[in-house]
Amino acid sequence: MIEPQLHPHVFVGSGHAEARHDETQRSIVERGISMQQSSNTMSAVEFLKSRDVGAKVIARVLLEPERRRSNDM
């Protein structure tokens, strides 16, 4: 099982670890979408991969914008 990477200041068991992880991931995905719009798709893919965003999420948010969650941007 792969452990999610958490913000270093979040204490596991505090009840906020998952929410903080989601906020961080959302911010990373938003930056990737912005990068795609201002630069190109490959730069966005490489950025998201370097931040450990999963391949399925990358494909969904960059290649299928109609399937983005409302909070993806």
N, C-alpha and C. Protein backbone atom coordinates (compact mmCIF):
# COMPACT_ATOMS: atom_id res chain seq x y z
N MET A 1 0.83 -1.18 0.00
CA MET A 1 0.00 0.00 0.00
C MET A 1 0.88 1.25 0.00
N ILE A 2 0.56 2.20 -0.85
CA ILE A 2 1.34 3.43 -0.94
C ILE A 2 0.77 4.45 0.02
N GLU A 3 1.63 4.99 0.85
CA GLU A 3 1.22 6.00 1.81
C GLU A 3 1.16 7.37 1.13
N PRO A 4 0.10 8.15 1.35
CA PRO A 4 0.07 9.49 0.77
C PRO A 4 1.11 10.38 1.42
N GLN A 5 1.67 11.29 0.64
CA GLN A 5 2.62 12.22 1.20
C GLN A 5 1.85 13.34 1.88
N LEU A 6 2.16 13.57 3.12
CA LEU A 6 1.45 14.58 3.89
C LEU A 6 2.32 15.80 4.11
N HIS A 7 1.68 16.89 4.34
CA HIS A 7 2.37 18.12 4.69
C HIS A 7 3.17 17.86 5.96
N PRO A 8 4.40 18.31 6.07
CA PRO A 8 5.23 17.97 7.23
C PRO A 8 4.71 18.49 8.56
N HIS A 9 3.78 19.44 8.53
CA HIS A 9 3.28 19.98 9.79
C HIS A 9 1.92 19.42 10.19
N VAL A 10 1.48 18.37 9.51
CA VAL A 10 0.21 17.74 9.84
C VAL A 10 0.51 16.49 10.66
N PHE A 11 -0.19 16.36 11.74
CA PHE A 11 0.01 15.22 12.60
C PHE A 11 -1.01 14.15 12.26
N VAL A 12 -0.53 12.96 11.93
CA VAL A 12 -1.42 11.86 11.64
C VAL A 12 -2.23 11.57 12.90
N GLY A 13 -3.52 11.38 12.72
CA GLY A 13 -4.40 11.15 13.85
C GLY A 13 -5.08 12.43 14.30
N SER A 14 -4.72 13.55 13.70
CA SER A 14 -5.34 14.81 14.08
C SER A 14 -6.70 14.99 13.43
N GLY A 15 -7.01 14.12 12.44
CA GLY A 15 -8.27 14.25 11.74
C GLY A 15 -8.19 15.22 10.58
N HIS A 16 -7.07 15.93 10.44
CA HIS A 16 -6.94 16.91 9.39
C HIS A 16 -5.94 16.50 8.32
N ALA A 17 -5.31 15.37 8.49
CA ALA A 17 -4.27 14.95 7.54
C ALA A 17 -4.84 14.76 6.14
N GLU A 18 -5.97 14.10 6.03
CA GLU A 18 -6.56 13.86 4.72
C GLU A 18 -7.00 15.16 4.07
N ALA A 19 -7.60 16.04 4.83
CA ALA A 19 -8.04 17.32 4.28
C ALA A 19 -6.84 18.14 3.81
N ARG A 20 -5.76 18.16 4.57
CA ARG A 20 -4.57 18.91 4.18
C ARG A 20 -3.97 18.32 2.91
N HIS A 21 -3.92 16.99 2.82
CA HIS A 21 -3.41 16.33 1.63
C HIS A 21 -4.25 16.71 0.42
N ASP A 22 -5.57 16.71 0.57
CA ASP A 22 -6.46 17.07 -0.53
C ASP A 22 -6.25 18.52 -0.96
N GLU A 23 -6.08 19.42 0.00
CA GLU A 23 -5.83 20.83 -0.32
C GLU A 23 -4.53 20.99 -1.08
N THR A 24 -3.50 20.29 -0.64
CA THR A 24 -2.20 20.35 -1.30
C THR A 24 -2.30 19.80 -2.71
N GLN A 25 -2.94 18.64 -2.87
CA GLN A 25 -3.09 18.05 -4.19
C GLN A 25 -3.91 18.95 -5.11
N ARG A 26 -4.96 19.55 -4.58
CA ARG A 26 -5.79 20.45 -5.39
C ARG A 26 -4.96 21.62 -5.90
N SER A 27 -4.14 22.18 -5.04
CA SER A 27 -3.28 23.29 -5.41
C SER A 27 -2.28 22.88 -6.49
N ILE A 28 -1.71 21.71 -6.36
CA ILE A 28 -0.76 21.20 -7.35
C ILE A 28 -1.46 21.01 -8.69
N VAL A 29 -2.65 20.41 -8.67
CA VAL A 29 -3.39 20.18 -9.91
C VAL A 29 -3.76 21.51 -10.56
N GLU A 30 -4.17 22.47 -9.78
CA GLU A 30 -4.51 23.79 -10.33
C GLU A 30 -3.29 24.42 -11.00
N ARG A 31 -2.12 24.28 -10.37
CA ARG A 31 -0.89 24.81 -10.97
C ARG A 31 -0.58 24.10 -12.27
N GLY A 32 -0.81 22.79 -12.32
CA GLY A 32 -0.59 22.04 -13.55
C GLY A 32 -1.51 22.47 -14.68
N ILE A 33 -2.77 22.71 -14.35
CA ILE A 33 -3.73 23.18 -15.35
C ILE A 33 -3.32 24.56 -15.87
N SER A 34 -2.92 25.44 -14.97
CA SER A 34 -2.46 26.77 -15.38
C SER A 34 -1.23 26.67 -16.27
N MET A 35 -0.33 25.76 -15.92
CA MET A 35 0.89 25.56 -16.71
C MET A 35 0.53 25.09 -18.12
N GLN A 36 -0.44 24.19 -18.22
CA GLN A 36 -0.86 23.69 -19.53
C GLN A 36 -1.40 24.85 -20.37
N GLN A 37 -2.18 25.73 -19.75
CA GLN A 37 -2.80 26.84 -20.47
C GLN A 37 -1.77 27.88 -20.90
N SER A 38 -0.75 28.12 -20.06
CA SER A 38 0.22 29.16 -20.36
C SER A 38 1.45 28.65 -21.12
N SER A 39 1.71 27.35 -21.05
CA SER A 39 2.91 26.81 -21.67
C SER A 39 2.52 25.71 -22.65
N ASN A 40 2.52 24.48 -22.16
CA ASN A 40 2.10 23.35 -23.01
C ASN A 40 1.77 22.14 -22.14
N THR A 41 1.15 21.17 -22.76
CA THR A 41 0.70 19.99 -22.02
C THR A 41 1.85 19.19 -21.45
N MET A 42 2.92 19.01 -22.20
CA MET A 42 4.04 18.20 -21.70
C MET A 42 4.68 18.82 -20.46
N SER A 43 4.80 20.12 -20.44
CA SER A 43 5.35 20.78 -19.24
C SER A 43 4.44 20.52 -18.05
N ALA A 44 3.14 20.58 -18.27
CA ALA A 44 2.18 20.33 -17.19
C ALA A 44 2.26 18.88 -16.72
N VAL A 45 2.37 17.95 -17.67
CA VAL A 45 2.48 16.54 -17.31
C VAL A 45 3.73 16.30 -16.47
N GLU A 46 4.84 16.82 -16.90
CA GLU A 46 6.10 16.63 -16.16
C GLU A 46 6.02 17.26 -14.76
N PHE A 47 5.42 18.44 -14.67
CA PHE A 47 5.25 19.08 -13.36
C PHE A 47 4.41 18.20 -12.44
N LEU A 48 3.27 17.74 -12.93
CA LEU A 48 2.37 16.93 -12.09
C LEU A 48 3.02 15.60 -11.71
N LYS A 49 3.73 14.97 -12.64
CA LYS A 49 4.43 13.72 -12.32
C LYS A 49 5.48 13.96 -11.24
N SER A 50 6.18 15.08 -11.33
CA SER A 50 7.23 15.37 -10.35
C SER A 50 6.65 15.63 -8.96
N ARG A 51 5.36 15.91 -8.90
CA ARG A 51 4.67 16.15 -7.62
C ARG A 51 3.86 14.93 -7.19
N ASP A 52 4.13 13.78 -7.83
CA ASP A 52 3.50 12.49 -7.48
C ASP A 52 1.99 12.46 -7.68
N VAL A 53 1.51 13.21 -8.67
CA VAL A 53 0.10 13.12 -9.03
C VAL A 53 -0.04 11.87 -9.91
N GLY A 54 -1.06 11.08 -9.65
CA GLY A 54 -1.26 9.83 -10.37
C GLY A 54 -1.57 10.04 -11.85
N ALA A 55 -1.18 9.05 -12.65
CA ALA A 55 -1.35 9.12 -14.10
C ALA A 55 -2.81 9.30 -14.51
N LYS A 56 -3.73 8.64 -13.82
CA LYS A 56 -5.16 8.76 -14.16
C LYS A 56 -5.66 10.17 -13.90
N VAL A 57 -5.21 10.77 -12.80
CA VAL A 57 -5.62 12.15 -12.49
C VAL A 57 -5.04 13.11 -13.52
N ILE A 58 -3.77 12.92 -13.86
CA ILE A 58 -3.13 13.78 -14.86
C ILE A 58 -3.90 13.72 -16.18
N ALA A 59 -4.20 12.51 -16.63
CA ALA A 59 -4.93 12.36 -17.89
C ALA A 59 -6.30 13.02 -17.81
N ARG A 60 -6.98 12.84 -16.70
CA ARG A 60 -8.34 13.41 -16.57
C ARG A 60 -8.31 14.92 -16.60
N VAL A 61 -7.43 15.53 -15.82
CA VAL A 61 -7.48 16.99 -15.71
C VAL A 61 -6.86 17.70 -16.90
N LEU A 62 -5.89 17.08 -17.57
CA LEU A 62 -5.25 17.75 -18.70
C LEU A 62 -5.86 17.38 -20.04
N LEU A 63 -6.30 16.15 -20.21
CA LEU A 63 -6.78 15.70 -21.51
C LEU A 63 -8.29 15.64 -21.63
N GLU A 64 -8.99 15.69 -20.52
CA GLU A 64 -10.46 15.63 -20.54
C GLU A 64 -11.02 16.72 -19.63
N PRO A 65 -10.87 17.97 -20.03
CA PRO A 65 -11.29 19.08 -19.15
C PRO A 65 -12.76 19.02 -18.76
N GLU A 66 -13.60 18.41 -19.60
CA GLU A 66 -15.02 18.30 -19.26
C GLU A 66 -15.25 17.37 -18.07
N ARG A 67 -14.25 16.54 -17.72
CA ARG A 67 -14.36 15.62 -16.59
C ARG A 67 -13.70 16.15 -15.32
N ARG A 68 -13.16 17.38 -15.38
CA ARG A 68 -12.54 17.94 -14.19
C ARG A 68 -13.59 18.13 -13.11
N ARG A 69 -13.16 17.95 -11.89
CA ARG A 69 -14.02 18.27 -10.75
C ARG A 69 -14.15 19.78 -10.69
N SER A 70 -15.25 20.25 -10.15
CA SER A 70 -15.49 21.70 -10.12
C SER A 70 -14.40 22.44 -9.37
N ASN A 71 -13.75 21.80 -8.41
CA ASN A 71 -12.69 22.48 -7.65
C ASN A 71 -11.31 22.28 -8.27
N ASP A 72 -11.23 21.63 -9.47
CA ASP A 72 -9.93 21.50 -10.15
C ASP A 72 -9.59 22.79 -10.88
N MET A 73 -10.55 23.66 -11.03
CA MET A 73 -10.38 24.97 -11.67
C MET A 73 -11.54 25.33 -12.50
